[in-house]
Amino acid sequence: MKNNNLVAVLVIIVVAAAGFFGGMKYQQTKRSVSTNVFSPRQFGNTQNRNGGGTNLTPNGTPQNGRTGIRPVMGEITDVRDKSITVKTVDGGSKIVFVSTKTEINKAAVATFSDLSKGQTVSIFGQENTDGSVTAQNIQLNPLQRNATPSAVPNK
């Protein structure tokens, strides 16, 4: 009788351990899919050089690891037919091409005619070989995270 109880307890322990480790392995495959949706690796951040959420280019502007995708943030200094020029937060400037596919947002949906000189914008788009950017999305008056009052442009 004691041997039967011992065998039953051992079988229960083995089944429980196998279920536990099987569940752990299953969860690892699920976690890698769901956790990596917004993982830094998705944006090429495995060697984060600035201690924050993005890598910095040699001139100090943030750039994620996707080929050519680059955020541009700063003040609009010029508005032309299909482009704007933005004075970046690091003091440089960037020409940004705007197409009919470019999303332009503010508190409500916006259009190219809503862009004007002096506005603060955050732009995401494809970096061109000449250093300009073709915009995919433009945020008007974006929230500036971790900005000190002196770093926020006056409106």
Protein backbone atom coordinates (compact mmCIF):
# COMPACT_ATOMS: atom_id res chain seq x y z
CA MET A 1 0.00 0.00 0.00
CA LYS A 2 2.83 2.38 0.84
CA ASN A 3 4.53 1.66 -2.50
CA ASN A 4 1.30 2.46 -4.36
CA ASN A 5 0.99 5.79 -2.53
CA LEU A 6 4.64 6.59 -3.20
CA VAL A 7 4.26 5.78 -6.91
CA ALA A 8 1.09 7.89 -7.13
CA VAL A 9 2.80 10.85 -5.44
CA LEU A 10 5.83 10.54 -7.75
CA VAL A 11 3.58 10.37 -10.84
CA ILE A 12 1.70 13.47 -9.67
CA ILE A 13 4.99 15.33 -9.09
CA VAL A 14 6.35 14.34 -12.51
CA VAL A 15 3.10 15.33 -14.28
CA ALA A 16 2.96 18.65 -12.39
CA ALA A 17 6.62 19.42 -13.18
CA ALA A 18 6.14 18.52 -16.85
CA GLY A 19 3.02 20.70 -17.01
CA PHE A 20 4.82 23.58 -15.31
CA PHE A 21 7.85 23.48 -17.61
CA GLY A 22 5.65 22.91 -20.66
CA GLY A 23 3.60 25.95 -19.68
CA MET A 24 6.76 28.00 -19.18
CA LYS A 25 8.00 27.10 -22.66
CA TYR A 26 4.61 27.89 -24.17
CA GLN A 27 4.49 31.25 -22.38
CA GLN A 28 8.00 32.12 -23.61
CA THR A 29 6.85 31.77 -27.21
CA LYS A 30 3.77 33.92 -26.53
CA ARG A 31 5.72 36.54 -24.58
CA SER A 32 8.33 36.95 -27.30
CA VAL A 33 5.59 37.79 -29.79
CA SER A 34 3.56 40.16 -27.61
CA THR A 35 6.44 41.78 -25.71
CA ASN A 36 8.48 42.43 -28.83
CA VAL A 37 5.68 44.39 -30.50
CA PHE A 38 7.10 47.53 -28.88
CA SER A 39 10.55 46.29 -28.03
CA PRO A 40 13.56 48.55 -28.55
CA ARG A 41 14.99 45.95 -30.94
CA GLN A 42 12.12 46.63 -33.33
CA PHE A 43 13.55 50.11 -33.73
CA GLY A 44 17.22 49.05 -33.74
CA ASN A 45 17.88 50.10 -30.16
CA THR A 46 20.03 47.20 -29.07
CA GLN A 47 22.97 49.59 -28.61
CA ASN A 48 21.19 52.57 -27.14
CA ARG A 49 23.89 55.24 -27.00
CA ASN A 50 22.04 58.01 -25.20
CA GLY A 51 20.47 56.15 -22.30
CA GLY A 52 16.95 56.96 -23.50
CA GLY A 53 14.55 55.38 -25.93
CA THR A 54 16.32 56.17 -29.19
CA ASN A 55 19.77 56.21 -30.71
CA LEU A 56 21.37 59.50 -31.62
CA THR A 57 22.88 60.37 -34.97
CA PRO A 58 26.31 62.06 -34.99
CA ASN A 59 24.64 65.50 -34.89
CA GLY A 60 22.53 64.53 -31.86
CA THR A 61 19.13 64.03 -33.45
CA PRO A 62 17.19 60.90 -32.52
CA GLN A 63 16.98 58.15 -35.09
CA ASN A 64 15.47 54.72 -34.76
CA GLY A 65 17.02 51.67 -36.38
CA ARG A 66 14.60 51.31 -39.28
CA THR A 67 16.26 52.18 -42.53
CA GLY A 68 15.82 55.87 -43.13
CA ILE A 69 12.89 56.40 -40.75
CA ARG A 70 13.69 59.50 -38.75
CA PRO A 71 11.71 61.69 -36.40
CA VAL A 72 12.21 65.44 -36.85
CA MET A 73 11.07 67.82 -34.13
CA GLY A 74 11.26 71.58 -34.06
CA GLU A 75 9.82 74.84 -35.33
CA ILE A 76 8.59 75.42 -38.88
CA THR A 77 10.71 78.17 -40.45
CA ASP A 78 9.41 78.00 -44.03
CA VAL A 79 6.33 76.63 -45.81
CA ARG A 80 6.47 75.99 -49.56
CA ASP A 81 4.20 74.28 -52.08
CA LYS A 82 4.97 70.67 -51.05
CA SER A 83 7.58 71.06 -48.32
CA ILE A 84 8.35 72.71 -45.03
CA THR A 85 11.66 73.59 -43.40
CA VAL A 86 12.00 72.79 -39.70
CA LYS A 87 14.56 74.26 -37.29
CA THR A 88 15.39 71.19 -35.21
CA VAL A 89 15.78 71.17 -31.44
CA ASP A 90 19.55 70.77 -31.86
CA GLY A 91 19.76 74.02 -33.86
CA GLY A 92 20.02 72.48 -37.33
CA SER A 93 17.37 72.59 -40.01
CA LYS A 94 15.68 69.92 -42.07
CA ILE A 95 13.69 70.13 -45.31
CA VAL A 96 10.60 67.91 -45.07
CA PHE A 97 8.63 66.92 -48.16
CA VAL A 98 4.88 66.58 -47.69
CA SER A 99 2.68 64.49 -50.00
CA THR A 100 -1.02 63.72 -50.22
CA LYS A 101 -0.29 60.54 -48.22
CA THR A 102 1.23 62.47 -45.30
CA GLU A 103 -0.99 62.45 -42.20
CA ILE A 104 -1.05 65.84 -40.49
CA ASN A 105 -2.58 65.84 -37.00
CA LYS A 106 -3.46 68.27 -34.25
CA ALA A 107 -6.27 68.02 -31.71
CA ALA A 108 -8.40 67.27 -34.79
CA VAL A 109 -7.47 66.15 -38.30
CA ALA A 110 -5.33 68.78 -40.03
CA THR A 111 -4.18 69.52 -43.57
CA PHE A 112 -1.15 71.09 -45.22
CA SER A 113 -2.80 74.52 -45.03
CA ASP A 114 -2.72 74.23 -41.22
CA LEU A 115 1.10 74.30 -41.27
CA SER A 116 2.58 77.72 -40.67
CA LYS A 117 5.87 79.35 -39.84
CA GLY A 118 6.62 79.35 -36.11
CA GLN A 119 4.65 76.20 -35.24
CA THR A 120 6.25 73.40 -33.26
CA VAL A 121 5.97 70.06 -35.06
CA SER A 122 7.08 66.48 -34.68
CA ILE A 123 7.58 64.70 -38.00
CA PHE A 124 8.07 61.03 -38.79
CA GLY A 125 9.14 60.00 -42.26
CA GLN A 126 11.63 58.48 -44.64
CA GLU A 127 15.08 60.05 -44.70
CA ASN A 128 16.29 60.74 -48.24
CA THR A 129 19.88 60.39 -49.45
CA ASP A 130 20.35 64.17 -49.46
CA GLY A 131 19.38 64.41 -45.77
CA SER A 132 15.86 65.76 -46.36
CA VAL A 133 12.86 63.82 -45.06
CA THR A 134 9.67 62.73 -46.83
CA ALA A 135 6.97 63.01 -44.15
CA GLN A 136 4.62 60.16 -43.34
CA ASN A 137 3.10 61.82 -40.27
CA ILE A 138 3.24 65.36 -38.87
CA GLN A 139 2.08 66.19 -35.34
CA LEU A 140 1.22 69.84 -34.72
CA ASN A 141 2.19 71.21 -31.30
CA PRO A 142 3.36 67.81 -29.99
CA LEU A 143 3.80 67.07 -26.31
CA GLN A 144 7.47 67.25 -25.47
CA ARG A 145 8.42 64.57 -23.00
CA ASN A 146 11.14 65.27 -20.47
CA ALA A 147 11.49 68.84 -21.76
CA THR A 148 12.59 71.57 -19.40
CA PRO A 149 10.74 74.90 -19.64
CA SER A 150 13.72 76.47 -21.41
CA ALA A 151 13.75 73.66 -23.99
CA VAL A 152 10.13 74.19 -25.00
CA PRO A 153 9.79 76.80 -27.78
CA ASN A 154 7.61 79.79 -26.92
CA LYS A 155 4.27 80.12 -28.72
